[in-house]
Amino acid sequence: MRLTWKDHRGTMRIANVVTRNISDEAVYVDWQGPSAIPMYRLVQFQVASDARATESLPSLLRAGKILSAVFRIGQRRRSTGAPEGYALRLLVPPGQRSASSAELVSATA
């Protein structure tokens, strides 16, 4: 798996990551890099081509890159100050969500 994003200077950054949890709406990645990604930063989450055929992978992630936002940052390591991982919210248009993640909407009067 790979993350790409632009830092505060506009420089493109790339990092290989390992996923811990994957769902239709979010993914948690273990972070091994020395730098940090700020909260709410937009990132491109890309699944490796050999992993796209995995049956347990949500169908939205099989397409390749998906725009995501950092919405939770793991605890920081004492040795580097970098976080242990990031939770990414997958930014999927409502029409492309899978049936299993359909949201129930109730009307109130």
N, C-alpha and C. Protein backbone atom coordinates (compact mmCIF):
# COMPACT_ATOMS: atom_id res chain seq x y z
N MET A 1 0.84 -1.16 0.00
CA MET A 1 0.00 0.00 0.00
C MET A 1 0.89 1.24 0.00
N ARG A 2 0.37 2.31 -0.57
CA ARG A 2 1.17 3.52 -0.69
C ARG A 2 0.29 4.74 -0.41
N LEU A 3 0.89 5.72 0.25
CA LEU A 3 0.25 7.02 0.47
C LEU A 3 1.04 8.08 -0.29
N THR A 4 0.32 8.99 -0.93
CA THR A 4 0.96 10.16 -1.53
C THR A 4 0.22 11.39 -1.05
N TRP A 5 0.96 12.47 -0.78
CA TRP A 5 0.37 13.72 -0.33
C TRP A 5 1.35 14.84 -0.59
N LYS A 6 0.88 16.06 -0.47
CA LYS A 6 1.74 17.23 -0.58
C LYS A 6 1.94 17.81 0.81
N ASP A 7 3.20 18.13 1.13
CA ASP A 7 3.48 18.73 2.43
C ASP A 7 3.16 20.22 2.41
N HIS A 8 3.45 20.92 3.49
CA HIS A 8 3.09 22.33 3.62
C HIS A 8 3.80 23.22 2.59
N ARG A 9 4.86 22.73 1.99
CA ARG A 9 5.57 23.49 0.95
C ARG A 9 5.11 23.14 -0.46
N GLY A 10 4.21 22.16 -0.57
CA GLY A 10 3.74 21.74 -1.87
C GLY A 10 4.57 20.64 -2.50
N THR A 11 5.51 20.08 -1.75
CA THR A 11 6.35 19.00 -2.24
C THR A 11 5.61 17.67 -2.14
N MET A 12 5.59 16.90 -3.22
CA MET A 12 4.93 15.60 -3.22
C MET A 12 5.71 14.62 -2.36
N ARG A 13 5.02 13.95 -1.46
CA ARG A 13 5.62 12.95 -0.57
C ARG A 13 4.99 11.59 -0.86
N ILE A 14 5.79 10.56 -0.73
CA ILE A 14 5.32 9.19 -0.96
C ILE A 14 5.81 8.32 0.18
N ALA A 15 4.94 7.44 0.67
CA ALA A 15 5.33 6.52 1.74
C ALA A 15 4.65 5.17 1.53
N ASN A 16 5.40 4.11 1.71
CA ASN A 16 4.83 2.77 1.70
C ASN A 16 4.35 2.47 3.11
N VAL A 17 3.15 1.92 3.22
CA VAL A 17 2.54 1.65 4.52
C VAL A 17 1.99 0.23 4.56
N VAL A 18 1.71 -0.22 5.76
CA VAL A 18 1.07 -1.51 5.98
C VAL A 18 -0.28 -1.24 6.60
N THR A 19 -1.32 -1.85 6.05
CA THR A 19 -2.67 -1.63 6.58
C THR A 19 -2.93 -2.58 7.74
N ARG A 20 -3.63 -2.06 8.73
CA ARG A 20 -4.02 -2.88 9.87
C ARG A 20 -5.50 -3.22 9.79
N ASN A 21 -6.34 -2.24 9.56
CA ASN A 21 -7.79 -2.44 9.45
C ASN A 21 -8.29 -1.76 8.19
N ILE A 22 -9.18 -2.44 7.47
CA ILE A 22 -9.77 -1.88 6.26
C ILE A 22 -11.27 -2.09 6.33
N SER A 23 -12.03 -1.03 6.03
CA SER A 23 -13.48 -1.14 5.92
C SER A 23 -13.92 -0.40 4.67
N ASP A 24 -15.23 -0.32 4.44
CA ASP A 24 -15.75 0.40 3.27
C ASP A 24 -15.56 1.90 3.39
N GLU A 25 -15.37 2.41 4.60
CA GLU A 25 -15.31 3.86 4.79
C GLU A 25 -13.99 4.37 5.35
N ALA A 26 -13.16 3.48 5.88
CA ALA A 26 -11.92 3.94 6.51
C ALA A 26 -10.85 2.86 6.45
N VAL A 27 -9.62 3.29 6.69
CA VAL A 27 -8.50 2.36 6.75
C VAL A 27 -7.50 2.88 7.78
N TYR A 28 -6.89 1.97 8.54
CA TYR A 28 -5.85 2.35 9.48
C TYR A 28 -4.53 1.81 8.95
N VAL A 29 -3.52 2.68 8.87
CA VAL A 29 -2.22 2.27 8.35
C VAL A 29 -1.15 2.44 9.42
N ASP A 30 -0.25 1.46 9.48
CA ASP A 30 0.93 1.57 10.35
C ASP A 30 1.94 2.46 9.66
N TRP A 31 2.56 3.34 10.43
CA TRP A 31 3.48 4.34 9.89
C TRP A 31 4.89 4.03 10.33
N GLN A 32 5.81 3.93 9.38
CA GLN A 32 7.21 3.65 9.68
C GLN A 32 8.12 4.83 9.36
N GLY A 33 7.59 5.87 8.75
CA GLY A 33 8.40 7.01 8.33
C GLY A 33 8.80 7.92 9.48
N PRO A 34 9.85 8.71 9.28
CA PRO A 34 10.30 9.64 10.31
C PRO A 34 9.49 10.93 10.36
N SER A 35 8.80 11.25 9.29
CA SER A 35 8.01 12.49 9.24
C SER A 35 6.57 12.21 9.64
N ALA A 36 5.79 13.27 9.75
CA ALA A 36 4.39 13.14 10.15
C ALA A 36 3.49 13.82 9.13
N ILE A 37 2.26 13.34 9.03
CA ILE A 37 1.25 13.94 8.17
C ILE A 37 0.29 14.69 9.08
N PRO A 38 -0.02 15.95 8.80
CA PRO A 38 -0.94 16.71 9.66
C PRO A 38 -2.37 16.17 9.61
N MET A 39 -3.10 16.44 10.68
CA MET A 39 -4.50 16.08 10.77
C MET A 39 -5.28 16.75 9.65
N TYR A 40 -6.24 16.04 9.09
CA TYR A 40 -7.14 16.48 8.02
C TYR A 40 -6.46 16.68 6.68
N ARG A 41 -5.20 16.29 6.54
CA ARG A 41 -4.49 16.41 5.25
C ARG A 41 -5.11 15.43 4.26
N LEU A 42 -5.31 15.87 3.03
CA LEU A 42 -5.79 14.99 1.98
C LEU A 42 -4.63 14.16 1.46
N VAL A 43 -4.86 12.86 1.33
CA VAL A 43 -3.84 11.94 0.83
C VAL A 43 -4.48 11.02 -0.20
N GLN A 44 -3.66 10.48 -1.09
CA GLN A 44 -4.10 9.44 -2.02
C GLN A 44 -3.68 8.10 -1.43
N PHE A 45 -4.65 7.22 -1.22
CA PHE A 45 -4.36 5.87 -0.72
C PHE A 45 -4.41 4.93 -1.91
N GLN A 46 -3.33 4.20 -2.14
CA GLN A 46 -3.24 3.32 -3.30
C GLN A 46 -2.94 1.90 -2.87
N VAL A 47 -3.76 0.98 -3.33
CA VAL A 47 -3.56 -0.43 -3.05
C VAL A 47 -2.61 -1.00 -4.10
N ALA A 48 -1.66 -1.80 -3.67
CA ALA A 48 -0.72 -2.43 -4.60
C ALA A 48 -1.47 -3.31 -5.59
N SER A 49 -0.99 -3.35 -6.82
CA SER A 49 -1.70 -4.07 -7.88
C SER A 49 -1.88 -5.55 -7.57
N ASP A 50 -0.91 -6.18 -6.92
CA ASP A 50 -1.05 -7.60 -6.60
C ASP A 50 -2.06 -7.85 -5.48
N ALA A 51 -2.37 -6.85 -4.67
CA ALA A 51 -3.32 -7.01 -3.57
C ALA A 51 -4.75 -6.69 -3.98
N ARG A 52 -4.95 -6.11 -5.15
CA ARG A 52 -6.30 -5.73 -5.58
C ARG A 52 -7.21 -6.92 -5.84
N ALA A 53 -6.65 -8.08 -6.09
CA ALA A 53 -7.46 -9.27 -6.36
C ALA A 53 -7.92 -9.97 -5.09
N THR A 54 -7.52 -9.49 -3.94
CA THR A 54 -7.90 -10.11 -2.67
C THR A 54 -9.40 -10.01 -2.46
N GLU A 55 -10.03 -11.14 -2.15
CA GLU A 55 -11.48 -11.19 -1.98
C GLU A 55 -11.98 -10.33 -0.82
N SER A 56 -11.21 -10.26 0.25
CA SER A 56 -11.66 -9.53 1.44
C SER A 56 -11.52 -8.01 1.30
N LEU A 57 -10.89 -7.55 0.24
CA LEU A 57 -10.71 -6.12 0.03
C LEU A 57 -12.02 -5.49 -0.46
N PRO A 58 -12.49 -4.40 0.16
CA PRO A 58 -13.71 -3.74 -0.31
C PRO A 58 -13.57 -3.35 -1.79
N SER A 59 -14.66 -3.46 -2.52
CA SER A 59 -14.63 -3.23 -3.97
C SER A 59 -14.14 -1.83 -4.34
N LEU A 60 -14.41 -0.84 -3.51
CA LEU A 60 -13.97 0.52 -3.81
C LEU A 60 -12.45 0.64 -3.87
N LEU A 61 -11.76 -0.17 -3.09
CA LEU A 61 -10.30 -0.09 -3.04
C LEU A 61 -9.63 -0.86 -4.18
N ARG A 62 -10.38 -1.67 -4.89
CA ARG A 62 -9.81 -2.44 -6.00
C ARG A 62 -9.53 -1.59 -7.23
N ALA A 63 -10.11 -0.40 -7.28
CA ALA A 63 -9.95 0.47 -8.44
C ALA A 63 -8.56 1.09 -8.51
N GLY A 64 -7.87 1.16 -7.42
CA GLY A 64 -6.54 1.78 -7.41
C GLY A 64 -6.46 2.87 -6.37
N LYS A 65 -6.29 4.10 -6.81
CA LYS A 65 -6.16 5.23 -5.88
C LYS A 65 -7.52 5.71 -5.42
N ILE A 66 -7.57 6.14 -4.16
CA ILE A 66 -8.79 6.74 -3.63
C ILE A 66 -8.39 7.90 -2.72
N LEU A 67 -9.06 9.02 -2.91
CA LEU A 67 -8.78 10.20 -2.10
C LEU A 67 -9.24 9.95 -0.67
N SER A 68 -8.42 10.31 0.29
CA SER A 68 -8.70 10.08 1.70
C SER A 68 -8.25 11.27 2.52
N ALA A 69 -8.73 11.33 3.76
CA ALA A 69 -8.33 12.40 4.67
C ALA A 69 -7.88 11.78 5.99
N VAL A 70 -6.81 12.32 6.55
CA VAL A 70 -6.33 11.87 7.86
C VAL A 70 -7.33 12.36 8.90
N PHE A 71 -7.95 11.44 9.65
CA PHE A 71 -8.91 11.88 10.67
C PHE A 71 -8.54 11.43 12.07
N ARG A 72 -7.51 10.62 12.21
CA ARG A 72 -7.02 10.25 13.54
C ARG A 72 -5.54 9.93 13.42
N ILE A 73 -4.79 10.39 14.40
CA ILE A 73 -3.35 10.15 14.42
C ILE A 73 -3.02 9.30 15.64
N GLY A 74 -2.26 8.23 15.43
CA GLY A 74 -1.88 7.33 16.52
C GLY A 74 -0.91 7.97 17.48
N GLN A 75 -0.62 7.26 18.56
CA GLN A 75 0.33 7.76 19.56
C GLN A 75 1.69 7.96 18.93
N ARG A 76 2.39 8.94 19.44
CA ARG A 76 3.73 9.25 18.90
C ARG A 76 4.78 8.37 19.56
N ARG A 77 5.75 7.96 18.76
CA ARG A 77 6.87 7.18 19.28
C ARG A 77 7.85 8.10 20.00
N ARG A 78 8.37 7.66 21.10
CA ARG A 78 9.33 8.48 21.85
C ARG A 78 10.64 8.64 21.08
N SER A 79 11.02 7.62 20.34
CA SER A 79 12.32 7.65 19.65
C SER A 79 12.36 8.65 18.50
N THR A 80 11.27 8.75 17.72
CA THR A 80 11.28 9.62 16.53
C THR A 80 10.31 10.78 16.61
N GLY A 81 9.30 10.67 17.44
CA GLY A 81 8.27 11.70 17.50
C GLY A 81 7.21 11.52 16.43
N ALA A 82 7.41 10.56 15.54
CA ALA A 82 6.43 10.28 14.49
C ALA A 82 5.33 9.38 15.06
N PRO A 83 4.13 9.47 14.51
CA PRO A 83 3.04 8.63 15.02
C PRO A 83 3.21 7.16 14.63
N GLU A 84 2.53 6.30 15.39
CA GLU A 84 2.55 4.87 15.08
C GLU A 84 1.70 4.55 13.86
N GLY A 85 0.68 5.36 13.61
CA GLY A 85 -0.19 5.11 12.48
C GLY A 85 -1.20 6.21 12.28
N TYR A 86 -1.97 6.05 11.21
CA TYR A 86 -3.00 7.03 10.86
C TYR A 86 -4.29 6.31 10.50
N ALA A 87 -5.40 6.93 10.87
CA ALA A 87 -6.70 6.48 10.40
C ALA A 87 -7.10 7.41 9.27
N LEU A 88 -7.45 6.83 8.14
CA LEU A 88 -7.82 7.59 6.96
C LEU A 88 -9.29 7.38 6.65
N ARG A 89 -10.01 8.45 6.44
CA ARG A 89 -11.40 8.38 6.00
C ARG A 89 -11.39 8.37 4.48
N LEU A 90 -11.99 7.35 3.88
CA LEU A 90 -12.04 7.26 2.43
C LEU A 90 -13.12 8.21 1.93
N LEU A 91 -12.75 9.12 1.06
CA LEU A 91 -13.68 10.12 0.55
C LEU A 91 -14.34 9.58 -0.72
N VAL A 92 -15.48 8.94 -0.51
CA VAL A 92 -16.19 8.27 -1.58
C VAL A 92 -17.50 9.00 -1.84
N PRO A 93 -17.79 9.34 -3.10
CA PRO A 93 -19.08 9.96 -3.40
C PRO A 93 -20.22 9.03 -2.98
N PRO A 94 -21.33 9.58 -2.47
CA PRO A 94 -22.42 8.74 -1.96
C PRO A 94 -22.93 7.71 -2.96
N GLY A 95 -22.95 8.01 -4.23
CA GLY A 95 -23.44 7.07 -5.23
C GLY A 95 -22.54 5.88 -5.44
N GLN A 96 -21.29 5.95 -4.99
CA GLN A 96 -20.34 4.86 -5.18
C GLN A 96 -20.16 3.99 -3.96
N ARG A 97 -20.85 4.28 -2.88
CA ARG A 97 -20.73 3.47 -1.67
C ARG A 97 -21.35 2.11 -1.91
N SER A 98 -20.81 1.11 -1.24
CA SER A 98 -21.35 -0.24 -1.38
C SER A 98 -22.66 -0.36 -0.60
N ALA A 99 -23.44 -1.37 -0.91
CA ALA A 99 -24.73 -1.57 -0.26
C ALA A 99 -24.57 -1.84 1.23
N SER A 100 -23.47 -2.44 1.64
CA SER A 100 -23.28 -2.77 3.05
C SER A 100 -23.05 -1.55 3.91
N SER A 101 -22.63 -0.43 3.29
CA SER A 101 -22.37 0.77 4.08
C SER A 101 -23.43 1.84 3.88
N ALA A 102 -24.58 1.43 3.36
CA ALA A 102 -25.65 2.40 3.14
C ALA A 102 -26.10 2.98 4.48
N GLU A 103 -26.31 4.27 4.49
CA GLU A 103 -26.71 4.94 5.72
C GLU A 103 -28.24 5.05 5.77
N LEU A 104 -28.77 4.83 6.95
CA LEU A 104 -30.20 4.99 7.15
C LEU A 104 -30.49 6.43 7.51
N VAL A 105 -31.46 7.00 6.86
CA VAL A 105 -31.84 8.38 7.12
C VAL A 105 -33.27 8.39 7.60
N SER A 106 -33.52 9.03 8.75
CA SER A 106 -34.88 9.10 9.26
C SER A 106 -35.35 10.55 9.22
N ALA A 107 -36.59 10.72 8.87
CA ALA A 107 -37.17 12.07 8.81
C ALA A 107 -37.72 12.43 10.18
N THR A 108 -37.53 13.67 10.57
CA THR A 108 -38.09 14.15 11.83
C THR A 108 -39.00 15.32 11.54
N ALA A 109 -40.05 15.40 12.29
CA ALA A 109 -41.01 16.50 12.07
C ALA A 109 -40.92 17.52 13.17
